[in-house]
Amino acid sequence: MCGIIGVKSISISRDNFENDILMSLKHRGPDYRSFEQINDFFIGHARLSIIDLSTAGNQPMKSVDGNLILTFNGEIYNYLEIRNELKKRGHSFNSNSDTEVILNAYIEYGIDCFGLFEGMFAISIYNISNNKLILVRDSVGIKPLYYFLDEHLIAYSSEVRSFKKILKNLDFNDDWKVYLLLFGYIPSPFTTYKNVFSVPPGSFVEI
C-alpha cells in the first residue's frame, strides 16, 4: 500500500504540503516520502516498497526528459511482459519497478496503455509542457483515488480524509447517510464530503 497526493493552489506553501498534507498519508508509505513542486503544484508520494526495494523505484518518478511526473499506488502483475515489449521499442530502464514500466508505457502508447495493465492501481500523471493532469484507476476499483476541483484549487489523494488537511472549509455531503442506508455503502463517485469525488473504476479523469 502506497499513497499518492497532489495539490495545485496558490494558498498552499511548500512547508504546509511537506509537513502537514503529505504527512496525512505517512501510514500508507513508511519506507519513503517525497514530492515535486512545479510552480504552485505539489505532487507527493508515500512509498511502501514491494517490487524494487532500491531508491531507483522512489516516487514521484520523472520521465528522462523531465516533462512527465508520475505517482502510483498498486501493483502491475504483467509489468515484465510490458517491459520486454517496451525494450524492443527502444525504451531503457533504470530500475526494476513496475512504476517505470507505467511511465514508459504512457510515453509509448498514451492513454491506451491503461488497457494493457493487469493489476490494481491508482495513477497520477502530470505533463508539464501542456499542463495536463491525468488520474486513472484500475477496472475493479481496488485502489482508491479521490479528487476535488474548483476554480481555485485542484486536489487529489488516495484517502478522503486528506482533504481535511487541504481545504479549510470542507463540508459534509448531505446525502452520504442516505446512500449508506439505501445501499450499505456510498456509491461512486460520491464520498462523505461535498465536491470530493472518487475516480470511477476503470476510468480516468483528465484536467
N, C-alpha and C. Protein backbone atom coordinates (compact mmCIF):
# COMPACT_ATOMS: atom_id res chain seq x y z
N MET A 1 0.84 -1.20 0.00
CA MET A 1 0.00 0.00 0.00
C MET A 1 0.87 1.24 0.00
N CYS A 2 0.67 2.11 -0.99
CA CYS A 2 1.33 3.41 -1.04
C CYS A 2 0.26 4.49 -1.00
N GLY A 3 0.67 5.72 -1.06
CA GLY A 3 -0.28 6.82 -1.10
C GLY A 3 0.18 7.87 -2.09
N ILE A 4 -0.76 8.37 -2.90
CA ILE A 4 -0.44 9.45 -3.82
C ILE A 4 -1.32 10.65 -3.47
N ILE A 5 -0.76 11.84 -3.67
CA ILE A 5 -1.48 13.05 -3.30
C ILE A 5 -0.93 14.22 -4.11
N GLY A 6 -1.80 15.15 -4.44
CA GLY A 6 -1.37 16.33 -5.18
C GLY A 6 -2.28 17.50 -4.91
N VAL A 7 -1.71 18.69 -4.92
CA VAL A 7 -2.48 19.92 -4.70
C VAL A 7 -1.93 21.02 -5.59
N LYS A 8 -2.83 21.68 -6.30
CA LYS A 8 -2.46 22.88 -7.07
C LYS A 8 -3.26 24.05 -6.51
N SER A 9 -2.57 24.95 -5.83
CA SER A 9 -3.22 26.10 -5.21
C SER A 9 -2.17 27.13 -4.82
N ILE A 10 -2.48 28.40 -5.04
CA ILE A 10 -1.55 29.46 -4.65
C ILE A 10 -1.52 29.66 -3.14
N SER A 11 -2.50 29.07 -2.44
CA SER A 11 -2.58 29.27 -0.98
C SER A 11 -1.85 28.20 -0.18
N ILE A 12 -1.29 27.18 -0.87
CA ILE A 12 -0.56 26.10 -0.20
C ILE A 12 0.94 26.38 -0.28
N SER A 13 1.60 26.39 0.86
CA SER A 13 3.05 26.61 0.89
C SER A 13 3.79 25.28 0.83
N ARG A 14 5.05 25.35 0.51
CA ARG A 14 5.90 24.15 0.48
C ARG A 14 5.95 23.47 1.84
N ASP A 15 6.10 24.26 2.88
CA ASP A 15 6.15 23.70 4.23
C ASP A 15 4.83 23.05 4.61
N ASN A 16 3.74 23.69 4.25
CA ASN A 16 2.40 23.16 4.54
C ASN A 16 2.19 21.81 3.86
N PHE A 17 2.61 21.72 2.59
CA PHE A 17 2.44 20.46 1.87
C PHE A 17 3.31 19.36 2.45
N GLU A 18 4.58 19.67 2.66
CA GLU A 18 5.53 18.65 3.10
C GLU A 18 5.24 18.14 4.50
N ASN A 19 4.95 19.03 5.42
CA ASN A 19 4.86 18.65 6.83
C ASN A 19 3.45 18.43 7.36
N ASP A 20 2.45 18.72 6.55
CA ASP A 20 1.08 18.54 7.00
C ASP A 20 0.27 17.69 6.02
N ILE A 21 0.18 18.15 4.78
CA ILE A 21 -0.66 17.46 3.79
C ILE A 21 -0.08 16.10 3.42
N LEU A 22 1.20 16.05 3.03
CA LEU A 22 1.82 14.78 2.67
C LEU A 22 1.88 13.83 3.86
N MET A 23 2.05 14.36 5.03
CA MET A 23 2.13 13.52 6.23
C MET A 23 0.81 12.83 6.55
N SER A 24 -0.29 13.30 5.96
CA SER A 24 -1.58 12.64 6.19
C SER A 24 -1.60 11.24 5.60
N LEU A 25 -0.61 10.92 4.75
CA LEU A 25 -0.51 9.59 4.14
C LEU A 25 0.68 8.79 4.65
N LYS A 26 1.32 9.23 5.72
CA LYS A 26 2.54 8.58 6.18
C LYS A 26 2.32 7.12 6.56
N HIS A 27 1.13 6.77 7.04
CA HIS A 27 0.83 5.38 7.43
C HIS A 27 0.73 4.46 6.21
N ARG A 28 0.55 5.05 5.01
CA ARG A 28 0.44 4.25 3.79
C ARG A 28 1.81 3.96 3.18
N GLY A 29 2.82 4.78 3.54
CA GLY A 29 4.13 4.60 2.94
C GLY A 29 5.25 4.86 3.93
N PRO A 30 5.59 3.87 4.74
CA PRO A 30 6.61 4.07 5.77
C PRO A 30 8.04 4.08 5.25
N ASP A 31 8.25 3.62 4.00
CA ASP A 31 9.62 3.46 3.51
C ASP A 31 10.23 4.75 2.96
N TYR A 32 9.39 5.60 2.37
CA TYR A 32 9.95 6.81 1.75
C TYR A 32 8.81 7.77 1.42
N ARG A 33 9.03 9.05 1.67
CA ARG A 33 8.07 10.08 1.29
C ARG A 33 8.82 11.21 0.59
N SER A 34 8.25 11.67 -0.53
CA SER A 34 8.87 12.77 -1.25
C SER A 34 7.82 13.48 -2.10
N PHE A 35 8.22 14.61 -2.67
CA PHE A 35 7.29 15.35 -3.53
C PHE A 35 8.07 16.20 -4.52
N GLU A 36 7.37 16.59 -5.56
CA GLU A 36 7.89 17.52 -6.56
C GLU A 36 7.02 18.77 -6.53
N GLN A 37 7.66 19.91 -6.75
CA GLN A 37 6.93 21.17 -6.85
C GLN A 37 7.17 21.79 -8.21
N ILE A 38 6.07 22.08 -8.93
CA ILE A 38 6.13 22.79 -10.19
C ILE A 38 5.26 24.02 -10.04
N ASN A 39 5.90 25.15 -9.79
CA ASN A 39 5.19 26.40 -9.50
C ASN A 39 4.27 26.20 -8.30
N ASP A 40 2.95 26.31 -8.47
CA ASP A 40 2.03 26.16 -7.35
C ASP A 40 1.40 24.77 -7.29
N PHE A 41 2.01 23.80 -7.96
CA PHE A 41 1.50 22.43 -7.99
C PHE A 41 2.47 21.53 -7.24
N PHE A 42 1.95 20.84 -6.21
CA PHE A 42 2.74 19.91 -5.41
C PHE A 42 2.24 18.49 -5.69
N ILE A 43 3.18 17.58 -5.98
CA ILE A 43 2.85 16.19 -6.29
C ILE A 43 3.64 15.30 -5.33
N GLY A 44 2.94 14.57 -4.47
CA GLY A 44 3.60 13.80 -3.43
C GLY A 44 3.32 12.31 -3.46
N HIS A 45 4.19 11.56 -2.78
CA HIS A 45 4.06 10.10 -2.74
C HIS A 45 4.60 9.57 -1.42
N ALA A 46 3.88 8.63 -0.85
CA ALA A 46 4.32 7.91 0.35
C ALA A 46 4.48 6.44 -0.07
N ARG A 47 5.70 5.92 0.05
CA ARG A 47 6.03 4.64 -0.56
C ARG A 47 6.13 3.48 0.42
N LEU A 48 5.47 2.40 0.06
CA LEU A 48 5.71 1.09 0.67
C LEU A 48 6.39 0.25 -0.40
N SER A 49 7.64 -0.08 -0.23
CA SER A 49 8.43 -0.78 -1.25
C SER A 49 8.00 -2.23 -1.34
N ILE A 50 7.72 -2.69 -2.59
CA ILE A 50 7.29 -4.07 -2.79
C ILE A 50 8.14 -4.77 -3.86
N ILE A 51 8.15 -4.23 -5.08
CA ILE A 51 8.85 -4.92 -6.17
C ILE A 51 10.32 -4.54 -6.20
N ASP A 52 10.63 -3.28 -6.42
CA ASP A 52 12.01 -2.81 -6.43
C ASP A 52 12.26 -2.09 -5.11
N LEU A 53 13.09 -2.67 -4.27
CA LEU A 53 13.31 -2.10 -2.94
C LEU A 53 14.37 -1.00 -2.93
N SER A 54 15.01 -0.76 -4.06
CA SER A 54 16.07 0.24 -4.13
C SER A 54 15.49 1.64 -4.26
N THR A 55 16.36 2.63 -4.12
CA THR A 55 15.95 4.02 -4.25
C THR A 55 15.56 4.36 -5.69
N ALA A 56 15.94 3.52 -6.65
CA ALA A 56 15.59 3.76 -8.05
C ALA A 56 14.09 3.69 -8.29
N GLY A 57 13.38 3.04 -7.36
CA GLY A 57 11.94 2.93 -7.50
C GLY A 57 11.17 4.01 -6.75
N ASN A 58 11.89 4.97 -6.17
CA ASN A 58 11.23 6.04 -5.42
C ASN A 58 10.37 6.92 -6.34
N GLN A 59 9.36 7.51 -5.75
CA GLN A 59 8.47 8.41 -6.46
C GLN A 59 8.33 9.71 -5.68
N PRO A 60 7.83 10.76 -6.37
CA PRO A 60 7.41 10.86 -7.76
C PRO A 60 8.55 10.52 -8.72
N MET A 61 8.17 9.89 -9.83
CA MET A 61 9.15 9.48 -10.83
C MET A 61 8.99 10.34 -12.07
N LYS A 62 10.13 10.86 -12.58
CA LYS A 62 10.12 11.71 -13.76
C LYS A 62 10.56 10.93 -15.00
N SER A 63 10.03 11.34 -16.14
CA SER A 63 10.50 10.80 -17.41
C SER A 63 11.92 11.30 -17.66
N VAL A 64 12.61 10.68 -18.59
CA VAL A 64 14.00 11.03 -18.87
C VAL A 64 14.13 12.50 -19.24
N ASP A 65 13.17 13.02 -20.00
CA ASP A 65 13.24 14.42 -20.41
C ASP A 65 12.72 15.38 -19.35
N GLY A 66 12.23 14.83 -18.22
CA GLY A 66 11.75 15.66 -17.13
C GLY A 66 10.38 16.25 -17.33
N ASN A 67 9.69 15.89 -18.43
CA ASN A 67 8.40 16.50 -18.73
C ASN A 67 7.23 15.84 -18.01
N LEU A 68 7.32 14.54 -17.75
CA LEU A 68 6.23 13.81 -17.10
C LEU A 68 6.61 13.48 -15.66
N ILE A 69 5.64 13.65 -14.77
CA ILE A 69 5.83 13.29 -13.37
C ILE A 69 4.73 12.30 -12.99
N LEU A 70 5.13 11.13 -12.53
CA LEU A 70 4.18 10.06 -12.24
C LEU A 70 4.23 9.64 -10.78
N THR A 71 3.05 9.42 -10.20
CA THR A 71 2.94 8.75 -8.90
C THR A 71 1.96 7.60 -9.06
N PHE A 72 2.17 6.56 -8.25
CA PHE A 72 1.46 5.30 -8.49
C PHE A 72 1.29 4.55 -7.17
N ASN A 73 0.10 4.02 -6.99
CA ASN A 73 -0.19 3.14 -5.86
C ASN A 73 -0.77 1.85 -6.40
N GLY A 74 -0.13 0.72 -6.10
CA GLY A 74 -0.68 -0.54 -6.57
C GLY A 74 0.39 -1.49 -7.05
N GLU A 75 -0.02 -2.39 -7.94
CA GLU A 75 0.90 -3.38 -8.49
C GLU A 75 0.41 -3.80 -9.87
N ILE A 76 1.32 -3.79 -10.84
CA ILE A 76 1.01 -4.24 -12.20
C ILE A 76 1.56 -5.65 -12.35
N TYR A 77 0.68 -6.62 -12.47
CA TYR A 77 1.12 -8.02 -12.45
C TYR A 77 1.87 -8.41 -13.73
N ASN A 78 1.52 -7.82 -14.84
CA ASN A 78 2.15 -8.18 -16.12
C ASN A 78 3.19 -7.16 -16.55
N TYR A 79 3.82 -6.50 -15.58
CA TYR A 79 4.76 -5.44 -15.94
C TYR A 79 6.01 -5.95 -16.66
N LEU A 80 6.44 -7.18 -16.37
CA LEU A 80 7.63 -7.71 -17.04
C LEU A 80 7.36 -7.94 -18.53
N GLU A 81 6.18 -8.40 -18.85
CA GLU A 81 5.79 -8.61 -20.24
C GLU A 81 5.77 -7.28 -21.00
N ILE A 82 5.18 -6.26 -20.37
CA ILE A 82 5.11 -4.93 -20.98
C ILE A 82 6.51 -4.33 -21.09
N ARG A 83 7.30 -4.53 -20.06
CA ARG A 83 8.68 -4.02 -20.06
C ARG A 83 9.48 -4.59 -21.22
N ASN A 84 9.35 -5.89 -21.46
CA ASN A 84 10.09 -6.53 -22.55
C ASN A 84 9.68 -5.96 -23.90
N GLU A 85 8.40 -5.70 -24.08
CA GLU A 85 7.92 -5.13 -25.33
C GLU A 85 8.44 -3.70 -25.51
N LEU A 86 8.46 -2.95 -24.41
CA LEU A 86 8.96 -1.57 -24.47
C LEU A 86 10.45 -1.53 -24.78
N LYS A 87 11.20 -2.50 -24.28
CA LYS A 87 12.63 -2.58 -24.60
C LYS A 87 12.83 -2.80 -26.10
N LYS A 88 11.97 -3.62 -26.69
CA LYS A 88 12.06 -3.86 -28.14
C LYS A 88 11.78 -2.58 -28.91
N ARG A 89 11.01 -1.69 -28.31
CA ARG A 89 10.66 -0.44 -28.97
C ARG A 89 11.64 0.68 -28.64
N GLY A 90 12.73 0.33 -27.95
CA GLY A 90 13.80 1.30 -27.73
C GLY A 90 13.84 1.97 -26.38
N HIS A 91 12.97 1.56 -25.46
CA HIS A 91 12.96 2.17 -24.13
C HIS A 91 14.00 1.50 -23.23
N SER A 92 14.65 2.30 -22.40
CA SER A 92 15.60 1.77 -21.43
C SER A 92 15.07 2.02 -20.03
N PHE A 93 15.59 1.26 -19.06
CA PHE A 93 15.08 1.32 -17.70
C PHE A 93 16.22 1.45 -16.70
N ASN A 94 15.97 2.27 -15.69
CA ASN A 94 16.96 2.49 -14.63
C ASN A 94 16.61 1.77 -13.34
N SER A 95 15.47 1.08 -13.33
CA SER A 95 15.02 0.37 -12.13
C SER A 95 14.35 -0.93 -12.54
N ASN A 96 13.99 -1.71 -11.54
CA ASN A 96 13.21 -2.93 -11.79
C ASN A 96 11.76 -2.76 -11.38
N SER A 97 11.32 -1.53 -11.25
CA SER A 97 9.99 -1.24 -10.72
C SER A 97 8.92 -1.27 -11.81
N ASP A 98 7.69 -1.61 -11.39
CA ASP A 98 6.56 -1.51 -12.32
C ASP A 98 6.19 -0.04 -12.56
N THR A 99 6.60 0.85 -11.65
CA THR A 99 6.33 2.28 -11.82
C THR A 99 6.97 2.80 -13.10
N GLU A 100 8.23 2.44 -13.32
CA GLU A 100 8.94 2.91 -14.51
C GLU A 100 8.34 2.31 -15.78
N VAL A 101 7.78 1.12 -15.67
CA VAL A 101 7.10 0.50 -16.81
C VAL A 101 5.86 1.30 -17.17
N ILE A 102 5.10 1.73 -16.15
CA ILE A 102 3.92 2.56 -16.40
C ILE A 102 4.31 3.84 -17.12
N LEU A 103 5.37 4.48 -16.63
CA LEU A 103 5.81 5.75 -17.20
C LEU A 103 6.20 5.59 -18.67
N ASN A 104 6.99 4.58 -18.98
CA ASN A 104 7.42 4.38 -20.36
C ASN A 104 6.28 3.89 -21.25
N ALA A 105 5.36 3.12 -20.68
CA ALA A 105 4.20 2.68 -21.45
C ALA A 105 3.33 3.86 -21.84
N TYR A 106 3.20 4.82 -20.93
CA TYR A 106 2.41 6.03 -21.24
C TYR A 106 3.10 6.85 -22.33
N ILE A 107 4.43 6.94 -22.26
CA ILE A 107 5.18 7.65 -23.29
C ILE A 107 4.99 6.99 -24.66
N GLU A 108 4.97 5.67 -24.67
CA GLU A 108 4.86 4.92 -25.92
C GLU A 108 3.43 4.88 -26.47
N TYR A 109 2.45 4.64 -25.60
CA TYR A 109 1.09 4.37 -26.06
C TYR A 109 0.07 5.45 -25.70
N GLY A 110 0.44 6.41 -24.86
CA GLY A 110 -0.55 7.38 -24.40
C GLY A 110 -1.57 6.73 -23.49
N ILE A 111 -2.80 7.24 -23.51
CA ILE A 111 -3.83 6.71 -22.60
C ILE A 111 -4.21 5.27 -22.91
N ASP A 112 -3.87 4.78 -24.09
CA ASP A 112 -4.16 3.38 -24.43
C ASP A 112 -3.38 2.41 -23.55
N CYS A 113 -2.32 2.89 -22.91
CA CYS A 113 -1.51 2.00 -22.07
C CYS A 113 -2.30 1.47 -20.88
N PHE A 114 -3.29 2.23 -20.42
CA PHE A 114 -4.03 1.81 -19.23
C PHE A 114 -4.76 0.49 -19.47
N GLY A 115 -5.15 0.24 -20.70
CA GLY A 115 -5.83 -1.01 -21.03
C GLY A 115 -4.90 -2.21 -21.07
N LEU A 116 -3.59 -1.95 -21.05
CA LEU A 116 -2.61 -3.04 -21.06
C LEU A 116 -2.34 -3.59 -19.67
N PHE A 117 -2.61 -2.77 -18.64
CA PHE A 117 -2.19 -3.11 -17.29
C PHE A 117 -3.14 -4.11 -16.64
N GLU A 118 -2.57 -5.22 -16.19
CA GLU A 118 -3.31 -6.19 -15.39
C GLU A 118 -2.86 -6.03 -13.94
N GLY A 119 -3.77 -5.64 -13.09
CA GLY A 119 -3.39 -5.41 -11.70
C GLY A 119 -4.33 -4.47 -11.00
N MET A 120 -3.85 -3.91 -9.93
CA MET A 120 -4.63 -2.96 -9.13
C MET A 120 -3.82 -1.68 -9.04
N PHE A 121 -4.45 -0.55 -9.37
CA PHE A 121 -3.65 0.66 -9.44
C PHE A 121 -4.48 1.94 -9.36
N ALA A 122 -3.84 2.96 -8.83
CA ALA A 122 -4.29 4.34 -8.92
C ALA A 122 -3.07 5.14 -9.34
N ILE A 123 -3.21 5.94 -10.39
CA ILE A 123 -2.06 6.60 -11.01
C ILE A 123 -2.37 8.07 -11.25
N SER A 124 -1.38 8.91 -11.03
CA SER A 124 -1.45 10.30 -11.49
C SER A 124 -0.27 10.56 -12.41
N ILE A 125 -0.54 11.24 -13.52
CA ILE A 125 0.50 11.62 -14.47
C ILE A 125 0.32 13.10 -14.79
N TYR A 126 1.36 13.87 -14.57
CA TYR A 126 1.31 15.29 -14.89
C TYR A 126 2.27 15.61 -16.01
N ASN A 127 1.74 16.23 -17.06
CA ASN A 127 2.54 16.65 -18.21
C ASN A 127 2.82 18.15 -18.05
N ILE A 128 4.07 18.48 -17.82
CA ILE A 128 4.45 19.86 -17.53
C ILE A 128 4.24 20.76 -18.76
N SER A 129 4.61 20.26 -19.93
CA SER A 129 4.59 21.11 -21.13
C SER A 129 3.19 21.55 -21.53
N ASN A 130 2.19 20.69 -21.36
CA ASN A 130 0.83 21.09 -21.72
C ASN A 130 -0.08 21.30 -20.51
N ASN A 131 0.52 21.23 -19.30
CA ASN A 131 -0.21 21.50 -18.06
C ASN A 131 -1.43 20.59 -17.92
N LYS A 132 -1.25 19.32 -18.25
CA LYS A 132 -2.36 18.35 -18.20
C LYS A 132 -2.11 17.32 -17.10
N LEU A 133 -3.14 17.09 -16.30
CA LEU A 133 -3.10 16.09 -15.24
C LEU A 133 -4.06 14.96 -15.57
N ILE A 134 -3.61 13.72 -15.44
CA ILE A 134 -4.45 12.55 -15.65
C ILE A 134 -4.47 11.73 -14.36
N LEU A 135 -5.66 11.38 -13.92
CA LEU A 135 -5.87 10.50 -12.77
C LEU A 135 -6.58 9.25 -13.28
N VAL A 136 -6.05 8.07 -12.98
CA VAL A 136 -6.62 6.84 -13.52
C VAL A 136 -6.69 5.77 -12.44
N ARG A 137 -7.70 4.90 -12.59
CA ARG A 137 -7.96 3.87 -11.58
C ARG A 137 -8.22 2.53 -12.25
N ASP A 138 -7.84 1.45 -11.60
CA ASP A 138 -7.99 0.12 -12.19
C ASP A 138 -9.45 -0.23 -12.43
N SER A 139 -9.67 -1.25 -13.26
CA SER A 139 -11.01 -1.57 -13.74
C SER A 139 -11.97 -2.01 -12.65
N VAL A 140 -11.45 -2.60 -11.60
CA VAL A 140 -12.30 -3.07 -10.50
C VAL A 140 -12.45 -1.99 -9.42
N GLY A 141 -11.50 -1.08 -9.37
CA GLY A 141 -11.55 -0.03 -8.36
C GLY A 141 -10.97 -0.48 -7.03
N ILE A 142 -9.98 -1.39 -7.09
CA ILE A 142 -9.37 -1.89 -5.86
C ILE A 142 -8.62 -0.78 -5.13
N LYS A 143 -7.85 0.00 -5.89
CA LYS A 143 -7.06 1.08 -5.30
C LYS A 143 -7.86 2.39 -5.35
N PRO A 144 -7.99 3.07 -4.23
CA PRO A 144 -8.82 4.28 -4.18
C PRO A 144 -8.12 5.50 -4.75
N LEU A 145 -8.90 6.44 -5.27
CA LEU A 145 -8.37 7.72 -5.73
C LEU A 145 -9.51 8.73 -5.76
N TYR A 146 -9.31 9.84 -5.06
CA TYR A 146 -10.33 10.87 -4.91
C TYR A 146 -9.80 12.21 -5.38
N TYR A 147 -10.74 13.09 -5.79
CA TYR A 147 -10.30 14.40 -6.27
C TYR A 147 -11.32 15.49 -5.94
N PHE A 148 -10.82 16.71 -5.89
CA PHE A 148 -11.63 17.92 -5.70
C PHE A 148 -11.19 18.93 -6.74
N LEU A 149 -12.15 19.64 -7.31
CA LEU A 149 -11.83 20.58 -8.37
C LEU A 149 -12.75 21.78 -8.31
N ASP A 150 -12.17 22.98 -8.26
CA ASP A 150 -12.93 24.21 -8.46
C ASP A 150 -12.03 25.24 -9.13
N GLU A 151 -12.48 26.49 -9.22
CA GLU A 151 -11.71 27.50 -9.97
C GLU A 151 -10.44 27.93 -9.25
N HIS A 152 -10.30 27.57 -7.97
CA HIS A 152 -9.14 28.00 -7.19
C HIS A 152 -8.18 26.87 -6.84
N LEU A 153 -8.65 25.63 -6.90
CA LEU A 153 -7.85 24.54 -6.35
C LEU A 153 -8.13 23.22 -7.06
N ILE A 154 -7.07 22.46 -7.28
CA ILE A 154 -7.16 21.07 -7.74
C ILE A 154 -6.47 20.22 -6.69
N ALA A 155 -7.11 19.16 -6.25
CA ALA A 155 -6.50 18.28 -5.25
C ALA A 155 -6.93 16.84 -5.51
N TYR A 156 -6.02 15.91 -5.23
CA TYR A 156 -6.36 14.50 -5.31
C TYR A 156 -5.59 13.75 -4.25
N SER A 157 -6.11 12.59 -3.85
CA SER A 157 -5.46 11.81 -2.80
C SER A 157 -5.97 10.38 -2.80
N SER A 158 -5.15 9.51 -2.22
CA SER A 158 -5.56 8.12 -2.01
C SER A 158 -6.58 7.99 -0.89
N GLU A 159 -6.71 9.02 -0.06
CA GLU A 159 -7.63 8.95 1.07
C GLU A 159 -8.49 10.21 1.15
N VAL A 160 -9.75 10.02 1.48
CA VAL A 160 -10.70 11.13 1.60
C VAL A 160 -10.29 12.07 2.73
N ARG A 161 -9.80 11.51 3.81
CA ARG A 161 -9.52 12.36 4.97
C ARG A 161 -8.38 13.35 4.74
N SER A 162 -7.58 13.13 3.69
CA SER A 162 -6.52 14.08 3.37
C SER A 162 -7.08 15.45 3.02
N PHE A 163 -8.30 15.48 2.49
CA PHE A 163 -8.88 16.75 2.07
C PHE A 163 -9.19 17.66 3.25
N LYS A 164 -9.27 17.09 4.44
CA LYS A 164 -9.43 17.92 5.63
C LYS A 164 -8.19 18.75 5.90
N LYS A 165 -7.03 18.26 5.43
CA LYS A 165 -5.78 19.00 5.57
C LYS A 165 -5.63 20.06 4.47
N ILE A 166 -6.30 19.84 3.36
CA ILE A 166 -6.13 20.70 2.18
C ILE A 166 -7.13 21.85 2.18
N LEU A 167 -8.39 21.55 2.51
CA LEU A 167 -9.47 22.52 2.41
C LEU A 167 -9.87 23.01 3.79
N LYS A 168 -9.87 24.32 3.97
CA LYS A 168 -10.21 24.88 5.27
C LYS A 168 -11.70 24.73 5.58
N ASN A 169 -12.53 24.89 4.57
CA ASN A 169 -13.98 24.80 4.76
C ASN A 169 -14.53 23.61 3.97
N LEU A 170 -14.34 22.44 4.51
CA LEU A 170 -14.78 21.21 3.86
C LEU A 170 -16.11 20.78 4.46
N ASP A 171 -17.15 20.80 3.66
CA ASP A 171 -18.49 20.47 4.13
C ASP A 171 -18.82 19.01 3.87
N PHE A 172 -19.62 18.43 4.75
CA PHE A 172 -20.09 17.07 4.54
C PHE A 172 -21.11 17.03 3.40
N ASN A 173 -21.10 15.93 2.68
CA ASN A 173 -22.12 15.66 1.68
C ASN A 173 -23.42 15.34 2.42
N ASP A 174 -24.45 16.14 2.22
CA ASP A 174 -25.71 15.97 2.95
C ASP A 174 -26.36 14.62 2.70
N ASP A 175 -26.02 13.99 1.58
CA ASP A 175 -26.70 12.74 1.19
C ASP A 175 -25.94 11.47 1.57
N TRP A 176 -24.76 11.59 2.18
CA TRP A 176 -23.95 10.38 2.36
C TRP A 176 -24.61 9.37 3.29
N LYS A 177 -25.34 9.84 4.29
CA LYS A 177 -26.02 8.92 5.21
C LYS A 177 -27.18 8.22 4.52
N VAL A 178 -27.83 8.93 3.62
CA VAL A 178 -28.93 8.34 2.85
C VAL A 178 -28.39 7.23 1.95
N TYR A 179 -27.28 7.51 1.27
CA TYR A 179 -26.66 6.49 0.44
C TYR A 179 -26.30 5.26 1.26
N LEU A 180 -25.76 5.49 2.44
CA LEU A 180 -25.33 4.38 3.28
C LEU A 180 -26.51 3.53 3.73
N LEU A 181 -27.62 4.18 4.05
CA LEU A 181 -28.82 3.45 4.47
C LEU A 181 -29.44 2.68 3.31
N LEU A 182 -29.44 3.28 2.11
CA LEU A 182 -30.06 2.66 0.95
C LEU A 182 -29.24 1.50 0.40
N PHE A 183 -27.92 1.71 0.29
CA PHE A 183 -27.08 0.75 -0.40
C PHE A 183 -26.15 -0.04 0.52
N GLY A 184 -25.95 0.46 1.73
CA GLY A 184 -24.98 -0.16 2.63
C GLY A 184 -23.57 0.32 2.38
N TYR A 185 -23.41 1.24 1.43
CA TYR A 185 -22.12 1.85 1.10
C TYR A 185 -22.40 3.16 0.38
N ILE A 186 -21.37 3.96 0.17
CA ILE A 186 -21.52 5.21 -0.56
C ILE A 186 -21.12 4.95 -2.01
N PRO A 187 -22.07 5.01 -2.96
CA PRO A 187 -21.77 4.66 -4.34
C PRO A 187 -20.85 5.67 -5.01
N SER A 188 -19.98 5.16 -5.88
CA SER A 188 -19.11 6.01 -6.69
C SER A 188 -19.96 6.86 -7.63
N PRO A 189 -19.63 8.14 -7.83
CA PRO A 189 -18.39 8.80 -7.43
C PRO A 189 -18.49 9.60 -6.13
N PHE A 190 -19.56 9.40 -5.36
CA PHE A 190 -19.79 10.24 -4.18
C PHE A 190 -18.94 9.80 -2.99
N THR A 191 -18.70 10.74 -2.07
CA THR A 191 -17.97 10.47 -0.83
C THR A 191 -18.70 11.15 0.31
N THR A 192 -18.14 11.09 1.49
CA THR A 192 -18.77 11.73 2.65
C THR A 192 -18.67 13.26 2.59
N TYR A 193 -17.81 13.78 1.71
CA TYR A 193 -17.61 15.23 1.62
C TYR A 193 -18.17 15.80 0.32
N LYS A 194 -18.69 17.01 0.43
CA LYS A 194 -19.25 17.71 -0.72
C LYS A 194 -18.14 18.08 -1.71
N ASN A 195 -18.39 17.76 -2.97
CA ASN A 195 -17.47 18.08 -4.07
C ASN A 195 -16.15 17.33 -4.03
N VAL A 196 -16.07 16.30 -3.21
CA VAL A 196 -14.94 15.37 -3.25
C VAL A 196 -15.47 14.07 -3.86
N PHE A 197 -14.93 13.68 -5.01
CA PHE A 197 -15.45 12.54 -5.76
C PHE A 197 -14.36 11.48 -5.95
N SER A 198 -14.80 10.25 -6.12
CA SER A 198 -13.86 9.19 -6.44
C SER A 198 -13.76 9.05 -7.96
N VAL A 199 -12.56 8.76 -8.44
CA VAL A 199 -12.40 8.42 -9.84
C VAL A 199 -13.11 7.08 -10.05
N PRO A 200 -14.08 6.98 -10.97
CA PRO A 200 -14.80 5.72 -11.15
C PRO A 200 -13.87 4.59 -11.56
N PRO A 201 -14.14 3.36 -11.14
CA PRO A 201 -13.32 2.22 -11.55
C PRO A 201 -13.25 2.12 -13.06
N GLY A 202 -12.06 1.78 -13.56
CA GLY A 202 -11.88 1.61 -14.99
C GLY A 202 -11.97 2.89 -15.78
N SER A 203 -11.70 4.02 -15.13
CA SER A 203 -11.84 5.32 -15.79
C SER A 203 -10.62 6.18 -15.52
N PHE A 204 -10.51 7.26 -16.30
CA PHE A 204 -9.51 8.28 -15.99
C PHE A 204 -10.15 9.66 -16.08
N VAL A 205 -9.62 10.56 -15.29
CA VAL A 205 -10.05 11.95 -15.28
C VAL A 205 -8.92 12.78 -15.84
N GLU A 206 -9.23 13.63 -16.81
CA GLU A 206 -8.21 14.49 -17.42
C GLU A 206 -8.53 15.95 -17.09
N ILE A 207 -7.55 16.63 -16.51
CA ILE A 207 -7.73 18.02 -16.09
C ILE A 207 -6.68 18.87 -16.79
